[in-house]
Amino acid sequence: PIKQNESEVSFCKKIKKDNGLVEFIDARKLYQKYKAYSFWPGIFLESELKIKDIELNDINSINVAGEILEIKDDYIIVGCQKGSLKIKTIQAPSKKAITSVDYVRGQRLVLSNILK
């Protein structure tokens, strides 16, 4: 092991549950936040809808924030103001995590609806 260089030490502030709150503004930043907080506190929307399993789909497209762009067999594509995300698993408040497609069907959401 190599001894840490004390002059390059940095400290991180304490992580709070509120750090996991996200909005569909920038797909790349949202994805990076997902990677940072995937264990705890996770990422969630204002409605407390938890987003469990996502992938970065596109970083350059311009969309309506939260608009459902595609519904496939095992994932949905949701647009951010800049970019889009592939969402596979969602968890509603006080419910079990389910596939995003099942959630969308249960809420009777269709293409161009807003995921809140």
PDB file of N, CA and C in Angstrom:
ATOM      1  N   PRO A   1       0.820  -1.203   0.000  1.00  0.00           N
ATOM      2  CA  PRO A   1       0.000   0.000   0.000  1.00  0.00           C
ATOM      3  C   PRO A   1       0.862   1.265   0.000  1.00  0.00           C
ATOM      4  N   ILE A   2       0.329   2.284  -0.629  1.00  0.00           N
ATOM      5  CA  ILE A   2       1.032   3.556  -0.714  1.00  0.00           C
ATOM      6  C   ILE A   2       0.416   4.524   0.287  1.00  0.00           C
ATOM      7  N   LYS A   3       1.254   5.199   1.038  1.00  0.00           N
ATOM      8  CA  LYS A   3       0.773   6.169   2.017  1.00  0.00           C
ATOM      9  C   LYS A   3       0.134   7.347   1.292  1.00  0.00           C
ATOM     10  N   GLN A   4      -0.992   7.804   1.812  1.00  0.00           N
ATOM     11  CA  GLN A   4      -1.731   8.905   1.205  1.00  0.00           C
ATOM     12  C   GLN A   4      -0.964  10.216   1.348  1.00  0.00           C
ATOM     13  N   ASN A   5      -0.980  11.017   0.297  1.00  0.00           N
ATOM     14  CA  ASN A   5      -0.349  12.327   0.324  1.00  0.00           C
ATOM     15  C   ASN A   5      -1.268  13.286   1.071  1.00  0.00           C
ATOM     16  N   GLU A   6      -0.860  13.742   2.244  1.00  0.00           N
ATOM     17  CA  GLU A   6      -1.698  14.579   3.099  1.00  0.00           C
ATOM     18  C   GLU A   6      -2.046  15.929   2.469  1.00  0.00           C
ATOM     19  N   SER A   7      -1.246  16.421   1.534  1.00  0.00           N
ATOM     20  CA  SER A   7      -1.536  17.715   0.909  1.00  0.00           C
ATOM     21  C   SER A   7      -2.671  17.627  -0.119  1.00  0.00           C
ATOM     22  N   GLU A   8      -3.037  16.421  -0.548  1.00  0.00           N
ATOM     23  CA  GLU A   8      -4.101  16.245  -1.536  1.00  0.00           C
ATOM     24  C   GLU A   8      -5.393  15.706  -0.933  1.00  0.00           C
ATOM     25  N   VAL A   9      -5.501  15.739   0.375  1.00  0.00           N
ATOM     26  CA  VAL A   9      -6.681  15.224   1.066  1.00  0.00           C
ATOM     27  C   VAL A   9      -7.856  16.160   0.848  1.00  0.00           C
ATOM     28  N   SER A  10      -9.042  15.587   0.603  1.00  0.00           N
ATOM     29  CA  SER A  10     -10.267  16.380   0.502  1.00  0.00           C
ATOM     30  C   SER A  10     -11.345  15.697   1.333  1.00  0.00           C
ATOM     31  N   PHE A  11     -12.298  16.477   1.771  1.00  0.00           N
ATOM     32  CA  PHE A  11     -13.372  15.955   2.602  1.00  0.00           C
ATOM     33  C   PHE A  11     -14.700  16.117   1.870  1.00  0.00           C
ATOM     34  N   CYS A  12     -15.571  15.169   2.084  1.00  0.00           N
ATOM     35  CA  CYS A  12     -16.910  15.190   1.479  1.00  0.00           C
ATOM     36  C   CYS A  12     -17.917  15.558   2.554  1.00  0.00           C
ATOM     37  N   LYS A  13     -18.917  16.359   2.181  1.00  0.00           N
ATOM     38  CA  LYS A  13     -19.963  16.678   3.149  1.00  0.00           C
ATOM     39  C   LYS A  13     -20.813  15.439   3.393  1.00  0.00           C
ATOM     40  N   LYS A  14     -21.527  15.424   4.479  1.00  0.00           N
ATOM     41  CA  LYS A  14     -22.363  14.291   4.843  1.00  0.00           C
ATOM     42  C   LYS A  14     -23.507  14.145   3.833  1.00  0.00           C
ATOM     43  N   ILE A  15     -23.748  12.917   3.395  1.00  0.00           N
ATOM     44  CA  ILE A  15     -24.810  12.652   2.424  1.00  0.00           C
ATOM     45  C   ILE A  15     -26.149  12.588   3.156  1.00  0.00           C
ATOM     46  N   LYS A  16     -27.126  13.329   2.645  1.00  0.00           N
ATOM     47  CA  LYS A  16     -28.476  13.359   3.222  1.00  0.00           C
ATOM     48  C   LYS A  16     -29.449  12.734   2.231  1.00  0.00           C
ATOM     49  N   LYS A  17     -30.605  12.359   2.722  1.00  0.00           N
ATOM     50  CA  LYS A  17     -31.621  11.766   1.857  1.00  0.00           C
ATOM     51  C   LYS A  17     -32.021  12.731   0.740  1.00  0.00           C
ATOM     52  N   ASP A  18     -32.074  14.017   1.040  1.00  0.00           N
ATOM     53  CA  ASP A  18     -32.469  15.020   0.045  1.00  0.00           C
ATOM     54  C   ASP A  18     -31.521  15.079  -1.153  1.00  0.00           C
ATOM     55  N   ASN A  19     -30.292  14.580  -1.008  1.00  0.00           N
ATOM     56  CA  ASN A  19     -29.355  14.590  -2.121  1.00  0.00           C
ATOM     57  C   ASN A  19     -29.834  13.718  -3.279  1.00  0.00           C
ATOM     58  N   GLY A  20     -30.746  12.777  -3.043  1.00  0.00           N
ATOM     59  CA  GLY A  20     -31.230  11.877  -4.074  1.00  0.00           C
ATOM     60  C   GLY A  20     -32.351  12.438  -4.928  1.00  0.00           C
ATOM     61  N   LEU A  21     -32.851  13.628  -4.594  1.00  0.00           N
ATOM     62  CA  LEU A  21     -33.939  14.244  -5.359  1.00  0.00           C
ATOM     63  C   LEU A  21     -33.424  14.672  -6.725  1.00  0.00           C
ATOM     64  N   VAL A  22     -34.101  14.248  -7.795  1.00  0.00           N
ATOM     65  CA  VAL A  22     -33.680  14.572  -9.161  1.00  0.00           C
ATOM     66  C   VAL A  22     -34.840  15.140  -9.967  1.00  0.00           C
ATOM     67  N   GLU A  23     -34.480  15.834 -11.037  1.00  0.00           N
ATOM     68  CA  GLU A  23     -35.443  16.325 -12.019  1.00  0.00           C
ATOM     69  C   GLU A  23     -34.907  15.953 -13.392  1.00  0.00           C
ATOM     70  N   PHE A  24     -35.783  15.837 -14.353  1.00  0.00           N
ATOM     71  CA  PHE A  24     -35.391  15.459 -15.710  1.00  0.00           C
ATOM     72  C   PHE A  24     -34.895  16.680 -16.484  1.00  0.00           C
ATOM     73  N   ILE A  25     -33.739  17.199 -16.084  1.00  0.00           N
ATOM     74  CA  ILE A  25     -33.166  18.367 -16.757  1.00  0.00           C
ATOM     75  C   ILE A  25     -32.020  17.953 -17.670  1.00  0.00           C
ATOM     76  N   ASP A  26     -30.991  17.325 -17.115  1.00  0.00           N
ATOM     77  CA  ASP A  26     -29.819  16.909 -17.882  1.00  0.00           C
ATOM     78  C   ASP A  26     -29.610  15.412 -17.663  1.00  0.00           C
ATOM     79  N   ALA A  27     -29.724  14.624 -18.723  1.00  0.00           N
ATOM     80  CA  ALA A  27     -29.640  13.162 -18.616  1.00  0.00           C
ATOM     81  C   ALA A  27     -28.282  12.713 -18.069  1.00  0.00           C
ATOM     82  N   ARG A  28     -27.211  13.323 -18.519  1.00  0.00           N
ATOM     83  CA  ARG A  28     -25.875  12.919 -18.063  1.00  0.00           C
ATOM     84  C   ARG A  28     -25.708  13.179 -16.564  1.00  0.00           C
ATOM     85  N   LYS A  29     -26.119  14.346 -16.089  1.00  0.00           N
ATOM     86  CA  LYS A  29     -25.996  14.665 -14.661  1.00  0.00           C
ATOM     87  C   LYS A  29     -26.891  13.755 -13.819  1.00  0.00           C
ATOM     88  N   LEU A  30     -28.087  13.471 -14.311  1.00  0.00           N
ATOM     89  CA  LEU A  30     -28.993  12.582 -13.584  1.00  0.00           C
ATOM     90  C   LEU A  30     -28.391  11.180 -13.493  1.00  0.00           C
ATOM     91  N   TYR A  31     -27.789  10.698 -14.568  1.00  0.00           N
ATOM     92  CA  TYR A  31     -27.170   9.382 -14.568  1.00  0.00           C
ATOM     93  C   TYR A  31     -25.974   9.340 -13.614  1.00  0.00           C
ATOM     94  N   GLN A  32     -25.183  10.388 -13.586  1.00  0.00           N
ATOM     95  CA  GLN A  32     -24.050  10.433 -12.663  1.00  0.00           C
ATOM     96  C   GLN A  32     -24.520  10.452 -11.215  1.00  0.00           C
ATOM     97  N   LYS A  33     -25.623  11.142 -10.960  1.00  0.00           N
ATOM     98  CA  LYS A  33     -26.194  11.160  -9.611  1.00  0.00           C
ATOM     99  C   LYS A  33     -26.704   9.766  -9.245  1.00  0.00           C
ATOM    100  N   TYR A  34     -27.295   9.070 -10.221  1.00  0.00           N
ATOM    101  CA  TYR A  34     -27.749   7.689  -9.996  1.00  0.00           C
ATOM    102  C   TYR A  34     -26.572   6.799  -9.602  1.00  0.00           C
ATOM    103  N   LYS A  35     -25.460   6.922 -10.312  1.00  0.00           N
ATOM    104  CA  LYS A  35     -24.291   6.107  -9.992  1.00  0.00           C
ATOM    105  C   LYS A  35     -23.727   6.453  -8.617  1.00  0.00           C
ATOM    106  N   ALA A  36     -23.769   7.723  -8.249  1.00  0.00           N
ATOM    107  CA  ALA A  36     -23.222   8.146  -6.957  1.00  0.00           C
ATOM    108  C   ALA A  36     -24.096   7.710  -5.788  1.00  0.00           C
ATOM    109  N   TYR A  37     -25.409   7.781  -5.956  1.00  0.00           N
ATOM    110  CA  TYR A  37     -26.328   7.521  -4.850  1.00  0.00           C
ATOM    111  C   TYR A  37     -27.129   6.238  -5.010  1.00  0.00           C
ATOM    112  N   SER A  38     -26.677   5.303  -5.840  1.00  0.00           N
ATOM    113  CA  SER A  38     -27.470   4.097  -6.102  1.00  0.00           C
ATOM    114  C   SER A  38     -27.680   3.244  -4.856  1.00  0.00           C
ATOM    115  N   PHE A  39     -26.704   3.212  -3.962  1.00  0.00           N
ATOM    116  CA  PHE A  39     -26.887   2.406  -2.747  1.00  0.00           C
ATOM    117  C   PHE A  39     -27.773   3.139  -1.743  1.00  0.00           C
ATOM    118  N   TRP A  40     -27.395   4.323  -1.360  1.00  0.00           N
ATOM    119  CA  TRP A  40     -28.193   5.144  -0.453  1.00  0.00           C
ATOM    120  C   TRP A  40     -27.928   6.585  -0.766  1.00  0.00           C
ATOM    121  N   PRO A  41     -28.867   7.451  -0.855  1.00  0.00           N
ATOM    122  CA  PRO A  41     -30.298   7.309  -0.636  1.00  0.00           C
ATOM    123  C   PRO A  41     -31.076   6.869  -1.867  1.00  0.00           C
ATOM    124  N   GLY A  42     -30.409   6.595  -2.983  1.00  0.00           N
ATOM    125  CA  GLY A  42     -31.118   6.293  -4.228  1.00  0.00           C
ATOM    126  C   GLY A  42     -31.550   7.602  -4.857  1.00  0.00           C
ATOM    127  N   ILE A  43     -32.118   7.542  -6.049  1.00  0.00           N
ATOM    128  CA  ILE A  43     -32.637   8.765  -6.674  1.00  0.00           C
ATOM    129  C   ILE A  43     -34.148   8.658  -6.779  1.00  0.00           C
ATOM    130  N   PHE A  44     -34.805   9.801  -6.617  1.00  0.00           N
ATOM    131  CA  PHE A  44     -36.262   9.819  -6.621  1.00  0.00           C
ATOM    132  C   PHE A  44     -36.751  11.163  -7.133  1.00  0.00           C
ATOM    133  N   LEU A  45     -38.003  11.157  -7.585  1.00  0.00           N
ATOM    134  CA  LEU A  45     -38.636  12.368  -8.104  1.00  0.00           C
ATOM    135  C   LEU A  45     -39.356  13.093  -6.978  1.00  0.00           C
ATOM    136  N   GLU A  46     -39.864  14.259  -7.271  1.00  0.00           N
ATOM    137  CA  GLU A  46     -40.615  15.056  -6.298  1.00  0.00           C
ATOM    138  C   GLU A  46     -41.801  14.268  -5.730  1.00  0.00           C
ATOM    139  N   SER A  47     -42.405  13.409  -6.549  1.00  0.00           N
ATOM    140  CA  SER A  47     -43.548  12.594  -6.125  1.00  0.00           C
ATOM    141  C   SER A  47     -43.130  11.375  -5.299  1.00  0.00           C
ATOM    142  N   GLU A  48     -41.831  11.261  -4.970  1.00  0.00           N
ATOM    143  CA  GLU A  48     -41.239  10.151  -4.219  1.00  0.00           C
ATOM    144  C   GLU A  48     -41.200   8.851  -5.019  1.00  0.00           C
ATOM    145  N   LEU A  49     -41.356   8.934  -6.315  1.00  0.00           N
ATOM    146  CA  LEU A  49     -41.204   7.789  -7.199  1.00  0.00           C
ATOM    147  C   LEU A  49     -39.717   7.503  -7.339  1.00  0.00           C
ATOM    148  N   LYS A  50     -39.278   6.313  -6.909  1.00  0.00           N
ATOM    149  CA  LYS A  50     -37.855   5.970  -6.943  1.00  0.00           C
ATOM    150  C   LYS A  50     -37.499   5.361  -8.293  1.00  0.00           C
ATOM    151  N   ILE A  51     -36.385   5.803  -8.837  1.00  0.00           N
ATOM    152  CA  ILE A  51     -35.885   5.276 -10.096  1.00  0.00           C
ATOM    153  C   ILE A  51     -34.730   4.357  -9.750  1.00  0.00           C
ATOM    154  N   LYS A  52     -34.889   3.053  -9.997  1.00  0.00           N
ATOM    155  CA  LYS A  52     -33.954   2.051  -9.506  1.00  0.00           C
ATOM    156  C   LYS A  52     -32.878   1.631 -10.499  1.00  0.00           C
ATOM    157  N   ASP A  53     -33.216   1.453 -11.753  1.00  0.00           N
ATOM    158  CA  ASP A  53     -32.265   0.899 -12.722  1.00  0.00           C
ATOM    159  C   ASP A  53     -32.356   1.703 -14.008  1.00  0.00           C
ATOM    160  N   ILE A  54     -31.328   2.501 -14.296  1.00  0.00           N
ATOM    161  CA  ILE A  54     -31.352   3.333 -15.498  1.00  0.00           C
ATOM    162  C   ILE A  54     -30.046   3.205 -16.269  1.00  0.00           C
ATOM    163  N   GLU A  55     -30.121   3.600 -17.531  1.00  0.00           N
ATOM    164  CA  GLU A  55     -28.949   3.695 -18.395  1.00  0.00           C
ATOM    165  C   GLU A  55     -29.053   4.999 -19.169  1.00  0.00           C
ATOM    166  N   LEU A  56     -27.917   5.543 -19.517  1.00  0.00           N
ATOM    167  CA  LEU A  56     -27.878   6.746 -20.321  1.00  0.00           C
ATOM    168  C   LEU A  56     -28.181   6.354 -21.768  1.00  0.00           C
ATOM    169  N   ASN A  57     -29.191   6.983 -22.368  1.00  0.00           N
ATOM    170  CA  ASN A  57     -29.584   6.646 -23.733  1.00  0.00           C
ATOM    171  C   ASN A  57     -29.016   7.644 -24.740  1.00  0.00           C
ATOM    172  N   ASP A  58     -29.138   8.927 -24.431  1.00  0.00           N
ATOM    173  CA  ASP A  58     -28.715   9.978 -25.348  1.00  0.00           C
ATOM    174  C   ASP A  58     -28.365  11.210 -24.517  1.00  0.00           C
ATOM    175  N   ILE A  59     -27.363  11.990 -24.956  1.00  0.00           N
ATOM    176  CA  ILE A  59     -26.991  13.174 -24.182  1.00  0.00           C
ATOM    177  C   ILE A  59     -27.213  14.483 -24.928  1.00  0.00           C
ATOM    178  N   ASN A  60     -27.612  14.432 -26.179  1.00  0.00           N
ATOM    179  CA  ASN A  60     -27.701  15.651 -26.971  1.00  0.00           C
ATOM    180  C   ASN A  60     -29.109  16.068 -27.374  1.00  0.00           C
ATOM    181  N   SER A  61     -30.071  15.173 -27.341  1.00  0.00           N
ATOM    182  CA  SER A  61     -31.410  15.526 -27.818  1.00  0.00           C
ATOM    183  C   SER A  61     -32.084  16.536 -26.886  1.00  0.00           C
ATOM    184  N   ILE A  62     -32.995  17.296 -27.432  1.00  0.00           N
ATOM    185  CA  ILE A  62     -33.773  18.279 -26.675  1.00  0.00           C
ATOM    186  C   ILE A  62     -35.195  17.742 -26.564  1.00  0.00           C
ATOM    187  N   ASN A  63     -35.680  17.589 -25.333  1.00  0.00           N
ATOM    188  CA  ASN A  63     -36.995  16.987 -25.099  1.00  0.00           C
ATOM    189  C   ASN A  63     -37.746  17.763 -24.031  1.00  0.00           C
ATOM    190  N   VAL A  64     -38.992  17.365 -23.823  1.00  0.00           N
ATOM    191  CA  VAL A  64     -39.780  17.862 -22.700  1.00  0.00           C
ATOM    192  C   VAL A  64     -39.368  17.050 -21.479  1.00  0.00           C
ATOM    193  N   ALA A  65     -39.135  17.714 -20.362  1.00  0.00           N
ATOM    194  CA  ALA A  65     -38.669  17.041 -19.150  1.00  0.00           C
ATOM    195  C   ALA A  65     -39.683  16.004 -18.661  1.00  0.00           C
ATOM    196  N   GLY A  66     -39.255  14.740 -18.573  1.00  0.00           N
ATOM    197  CA  GLY A  66     -40.100  13.667 -18.057  1.00  0.00           C
ATOM    198  C   GLY A  66     -41.031  13.032 -19.068  1.00  0.00           C
ATOM    199  N   GLU A  67     -40.962  13.429 -20.317  1.00  0.00           N
ATOM    200  CA  GLU A  67     -41.857  12.893 -21.344  1.00  0.00           C
ATOM    201  C   GLU A  67     -41.453  11.462 -21.709  1.00  0.00           C
ATOM    202  N   ILE A  68     -42.424  10.570 -21.787  1.00  0.00           N
ATOM    203  CA  ILE A  68     -42.180   9.192 -22.194  1.00  0.00           C
ATOM    204  C   ILE A  68     -42.048   9.175 -23.712  1.00  0.00           C
ATOM    205  N   LEU A  69     -40.839   8.832 -24.175  1.00  0.00           N
ATOM    206  CA  LEU A  69     -40.556   8.858 -25.609  1.00  0.00           C
ATOM    207  C   LEU A  69     -40.800   7.511 -26.278  1.00  0.00           C
ATOM    208  N   GLU A  70     -40.505   6.416 -25.562  1.00  0.00           N
ATOM    209  CA  GLU A  70     -40.693   5.069 -26.101  1.00  0.00           C
ATOM    210  C   GLU A  70     -41.085   4.123 -24.982  1.00  0.00           C
ATOM    211  N   ILE A  71     -41.886   3.127 -25.328  1.00  0.00           N
ATOM    212  CA  ILE A  71     -42.210   2.044 -24.398  1.00  0.00           C
ATOM    213  C   ILE A  71     -41.851   0.748 -25.111  1.00  0.00           C
ATOM    214  N   LYS A  72     -40.840   0.055 -24.613  1.00  0.00           N
ATOM    215  CA  LYS A  72     -40.383  -1.210 -25.184  1.00  0.00           C
ATOM    216  C   LYS A  72     -40.863  -2.359 -24.301  1.00  0.00           C
ATOM    217  N   ASP A  73     -40.389  -3.577 -24.567  1.00  0.00           N
ATOM    218  CA  ASP A  73     -40.826  -4.745 -23.805  1.00  0.00           C
ATOM    219  C   ASP A  73     -40.326  -4.751 -22.366  1.00  0.00           C
ATOM    220  N   ASP A  74     -39.107  -4.251 -22.121  1.00  0.00           N
ATOM    221  CA  ASP A  74     -38.557  -4.332 -20.766  1.00  0.00           C
ATOM    222  C   ASP A  74     -37.984  -3.018 -20.252  1.00  0.00           C
ATOM    223  N   TYR A  75     -38.238  -1.907 -20.937  1.00  0.00           N
ATOM    224  CA  TYR A  75     -37.788  -0.601 -20.464  1.00  0.00           C
ATOM    225  C   TYR A  75     -38.582   0.499 -21.154  1.00  0.00           C
ATOM    226  N   ILE A  76     -38.451   1.712 -20.610  1.00  0.00           N
ATOM    227  CA  ILE A  76     -39.036   2.887 -21.250  1.00  0.00           C
ATOM    228  C   ILE A  76     -37.920   3.906 -21.463  1.00  0.00           C
ATOM    229  N   ILE A  77     -38.100   4.766 -22.447  1.00  0.00           N
ATOM    230  CA  ILE A  77     -37.181   5.869 -22.699  1.00  0.00           C
ATOM    231  C   ILE A  77     -37.889   7.141 -22.250  1.00  0.00           C
ATOM    232  N   VAL A  78     -37.242   7.876 -21.343  1.00  0.00           N
ATOM    233  CA  VAL A  78     -37.813   9.111 -20.812  1.00  0.00           C
ATOM    234  C   VAL A  78     -36.886  10.261 -21.191  1.00  0.00           C
ATOM    235  N   GLY A  79     -37.474  11.325 -21.698  1.00  0.00           N
ATOM    236  CA  GLY A  79     -36.694  12.467 -22.125  1.00  0.00           C
ATOM    237  C   GLY A  79     -36.391  13.427 -20.996  1.00  0.00           C
ATOM    238  N   CYS A  80     -35.216  13.998 -21.049  1.00  0.00           N
ATOM    239  CA  CYS A  80     -34.829  15.096 -20.171  1.00  0.00           C
ATOM    240  C   CYS A  80     -34.770  16.347 -21.050  1.00  0.00           C
ATOM    241  N   GLN A  81     -34.659  17.528 -20.454  1.00  0.00           N
ATOM    242  CA  GLN A  81     -34.535  18.731 -21.275  1.00  0.00           C
ATOM    243  C   GLN A  81     -33.326  18.616 -22.194  1.00  0.00           C
ATOM    244  N   LYS A  82     -32.284  17.926 -21.714  1.00  0.00           N
ATOM    245  CA  LYS A  82     -31.120  17.654 -22.554  1.00  0.00           C
ATOM    246  C   LYS A  82     -30.786  16.176 -22.408  1.00  0.00           C
ATOM    247  N   GLY A  83     -31.056  15.392 -23.436  1.00  0.00           N
ATOM    248  CA  GLY A  83     -30.764  13.969 -23.425  1.00  0.00           C
ATOM    249  C   GLY A  83     -31.967  13.119 -23.056  1.00  0.00           C
ATOM    250  N   SER A  84     -31.722  11.802 -22.944  1.00  0.00           N
ATOM    251  CA  SER A  84     -32.785  10.879 -22.566  1.00  0.00           C
ATOM    252  C   SER A  84     -32.191   9.692 -21.805  1.00  0.00           C
ATOM    253  N   LEU A  85     -33.043   9.003 -21.052  1.00  0.00           N
ATOM    254  CA  LEU A  85     -32.635   7.888 -20.203  1.00  0.00           C
ATOM    255  C   LEU A  85     -33.467   6.656 -20.501  1.00  0.00           C
ATOM    256  N   LYS A  86     -32.845   5.506 -20.357  1.00  0.00           N
ATOM    257  CA  LYS A  86     -33.534   4.224 -20.462  1.00  0.00           C
ATOM    258  C   LYS A  86     -33.808   3.771 -19.023  1.00  0.00           C
ATOM    259  N   ILE A  87     -35.076   3.704 -18.634  1.00  0.00           N
ATOM    260  CA  ILE A  87     -35.450   3.335 -17.268  1.00  0.00           C
ATOM    261  C   ILE A  87     -36.018   1.926 -17.278  1.00  0.00           C
ATOM    262  N   LYS A  88     -35.451   1.043 -16.441  1.00  0.00           N
ATOM    263  CA  LYS A  88     -35.870  -0.356 -16.400  1.00  0.00           C
ATOM    264  C   LYS A  88     -36.723  -0.684 -15.175  1.00  0.00           C
ATOM    265  N   THR A  89     -36.406  -0.099 -14.023  1.00  0.00           N
ATOM    266  CA  THR A  89     -37.111  -0.436 -12.783  1.00  0.00           C
ATOM    267  C   THR A  89     -37.525   0.832 -12.052  1.00  0.00           C
ATOM    268  N   ILE A  90     -38.745   0.824 -11.537  1.00  0.00           N
ATOM    269  CA  ILE A  90     -39.310   1.964 -10.809  1.00  0.00           C
ATOM    270  C   ILE A  90     -39.959   1.436  -9.533  1.00  0.00           C
ATOM    271  N   GLN A  91     -39.944   2.250  -8.480  1.00  0.00           N
ATOM    272  CA  GLN A  91     -40.612   1.874  -7.237  1.00  0.00           C
ATOM    273  C   GLN A  91     -41.479   3.028  -6.771  1.00  0.00           C
ATOM    274  N   ALA A  92     -42.781   2.793  -6.721  1.00  0.00           N
ATOM    275  CA  ALA A  92     -43.716   3.793  -6.219  1.00  0.00           C
ATOM    276  C   ALA A  92     -43.598   3.847  -4.693  1.00  0.00           C
ATOM    277  N   PRO A  93     -43.996   4.963  -4.072  1.00  0.00           N
ATOM    278  CA  PRO A  93     -43.899   5.068  -2.616  1.00  0.00           C
ATOM    279  C   PRO A  93     -44.663   3.944  -1.909  1.00  0.00           C
ATOM    280  N   SER A  94     -44.012   3.296  -0.956  1.00  0.00           N
ATOM    281  CA  SER A  94     -44.581   2.214  -0.145  1.00  0.00           C
ATOM    282  C   SER A  94     -44.971   0.979  -0.958  1.00  0.00           C
ATOM    283  N   LYS A  95     -44.392   0.790  -2.125  1.00  0.00           N
ATOM    284  CA  LYS A  95     -44.671  -0.366  -2.978  1.00  0.00           C
ATOM    285  C   LYS A  95     -43.374  -1.100  -3.280  1.00  0.00           C
ATOM    286  N   LYS A  96     -43.495  -2.281  -3.880  1.00  0.00           N
ATOM    287  CA  LYS A  96     -42.325  -3.027  -4.321  1.00  0.00           C
ATOM    288  C   LYS A  96     -41.825  -2.471  -5.645  1.00  0.00           C
ATOM    289  N   ALA A  97     -40.540  -2.664  -5.907  1.00  0.00           N
ATOM    290  CA  ALA A  97     -39.970  -2.242  -7.186  1.00  0.00           C
ATOM    291  C   ALA A  97     -40.507  -3.144  -8.296  1.00  0.00           C
ATOM    292  N   ILE A  98     -40.914  -2.535  -9.405  1.00  0.00           N
ATOM    293  CA  ILE A  98     -41.441  -3.273 -10.551  1.00  0.00           C
ATOM    294  C   ILE A  98     -40.781  -2.730 -11.822  1.00  0.00           C
ATOM    295  N   THR A  99     -40.988  -3.423 -12.922  1.00  0.00           N
ATOM    296  CA  THR A  99     -40.438  -2.928 -14.183  1.00  0.00           C
ATOM    297  C   THR A  99     -41.152  -1.629 -14.557  1.00  0.00           C
ATOM    298  N   SER A 100     -40.442  -0.774 -15.236  1.00  0.00           N
ATOM    299  CA  SER A 100     -41.020   0.510 -15.625  1.00  0.00           C
ATOM    300  C   SER A 100     -42.202   0.325 -16.574  1.00  0.00           C
ATOM    301  N   VAL A 101     -42.149  -0.714 -17.401  1.00  0.00           N
ATOM    302  CA  VAL A 101     -43.248  -0.975 -18.341  1.00  0.00           C
ATOM    303  C   VAL A 101     -44.522  -1.325 -17.572  1.00  0.00           C
ATOM    304  N   ASP A 102     -44.404  -2.172 -16.541  1.00  0.00           N
ATOM    305  CA  ASP A 102     -45.569  -2.513 -15.722  1.00  0.00           C
ATOM    306  C   ASP A 102     -46.115  -1.283 -15.005  1.00  0.00           C
ATOM    307  N   TYR A 103     -45.226  -0.422 -14.521  1.00  0.00           N
ATOM    308  CA  TYR A 103     -45.657   0.797 -13.839  1.00  0.00           C
ATOM    309  C   TYR A 103     -46.437   1.699 -14.789  1.00  0.00           C
ATOM    310  N   VAL A 104     -45.902   1.890 -15.993  1.00  0.00           N
ATOM    311  CA  VAL A 104     -46.543   2.755 -16.984  1.00  0.00           C
ATOM    312  C   VAL A 104     -47.912   2.202 -17.367  1.00  0.00           C
ATOM    313  N   ARG A 105     -47.992   0.893 -17.554  1.00  0.00           N
ATOM    314  CA  ARG A 105     -49.287   0.277 -17.892  1.00  0.00           C
ATOM    315  C   ARG A 105     -50.279   0.427 -16.739  1.00  0.00           C
ATOM    316  N   GLY A 106     -49.801   0.233 -15.511  1.00  0.00           N
ATOM    317  CA  GLY A 106     -50.675   0.351 -14.341  1.00  0.00           C
ATOM    318  C   GLY A 106     -51.196   1.765 -14.146  1.00  0.00           C
ATOM    319  N   GLN A 107     -50.385   2.764 -14.483  1.00  0.00           N
ATOM    320  CA  GLN A 107     -50.802   4.161 -14.353  1.00  0.00           C
ATOM    321  C   GLN A 107     -51.528   4.666 -15.598  1.00  0.00           C
ATOM    322  N   ARG A 108     -51.668   3.797 -16.587  1.00  0.00           N
ATOM    323  CA  ARG A 108     -52.317   4.114 -17.865  1.00  0.00           C
ATOM    324  C   ARG A 108     -51.637   5.294 -18.577  1.00  0.00           C
ATOM    325  N   LEU A 109     -50.307   5.283 -18.539  1.00  0.00           N
ATOM    326  CA  LEU A 109     -49.530   6.295 -19.244  1.00  0.00           C
ATOM    327  C   LEU A 109     -49.198   5.799 -20.636  1.00  0.00           C
ATOM    328  N   VAL A 110     -49.179   6.714 -21.583  1.00  0.00           N
ATOM    329  CA  VAL A 110     -48.865   6.367 -22.970  1.00  0.00           C
ATOM    330  C   VAL A 110     -47.751   7.285 -23.461  1.00  0.00           C
ATOM    331  N   LEU A 111     -47.315   7.091 -24.699  1.00  0.00           N
ATOM    332  CA  LEU A 111     -46.290   7.948 -25.263  1.00  0.00           C
ATOM    333  C   LEU A 111     -46.683   9.423 -25.140  1.00  0.00           C
ATOM    334  N   SER A 112     -45.725  10.258 -24.889  1.00  0.00           N
ATOM    335  CA  SER A 112     -45.840  11.709 -24.732  1.00  0.00           C
ATOM    336  C   SER A 112     -46.463  12.123 -23.397  1.00  0.00           C
ATOM    337  N   ASN A 113     -46.858  11.181 -22.530  1.00  0.00           N
ATOM    338  CA  ASN A 113     -47.264  11.549 -21.166  1.00  0.00           C
ATOM    339  C   ASN A 113     -46.018  11.893 -20.355  1.00  0.00           C
ATOM    340  N   ILE A 114     -46.200  12.612 -19.266  1.00  0.00           N
ATOM    341  CA  ILE A 114     -45.078  13.019 -18.410  1.00  0.00           C
ATOM    342  C   ILE A 114     -44.999  12.086 -17.214  1.00  0.00           C
ATOM    343  N   LEU A 115     -43.807  11.538 -16.977  1.00  0.00           N
ATOM    344  CA  LEU A 115     -43.549  10.679 -15.819  1.00  0.00           C
ATOM    345  C   LEU A 115     -43.293  11.589 -14.628  1.00  0.00           C
ATOM    346  N   LYS A 116     -44.139  11.497 -13.622  1.00  0.00           N
ATOM    347  CA  LYS A 116     -44.007  12.371 -12.440  1.00  0.00           C
ATOM    348  C   LYS A 116     -43.709  11.564 -11.216  1.00  0.00           C
TER     349      LYS A 116
END
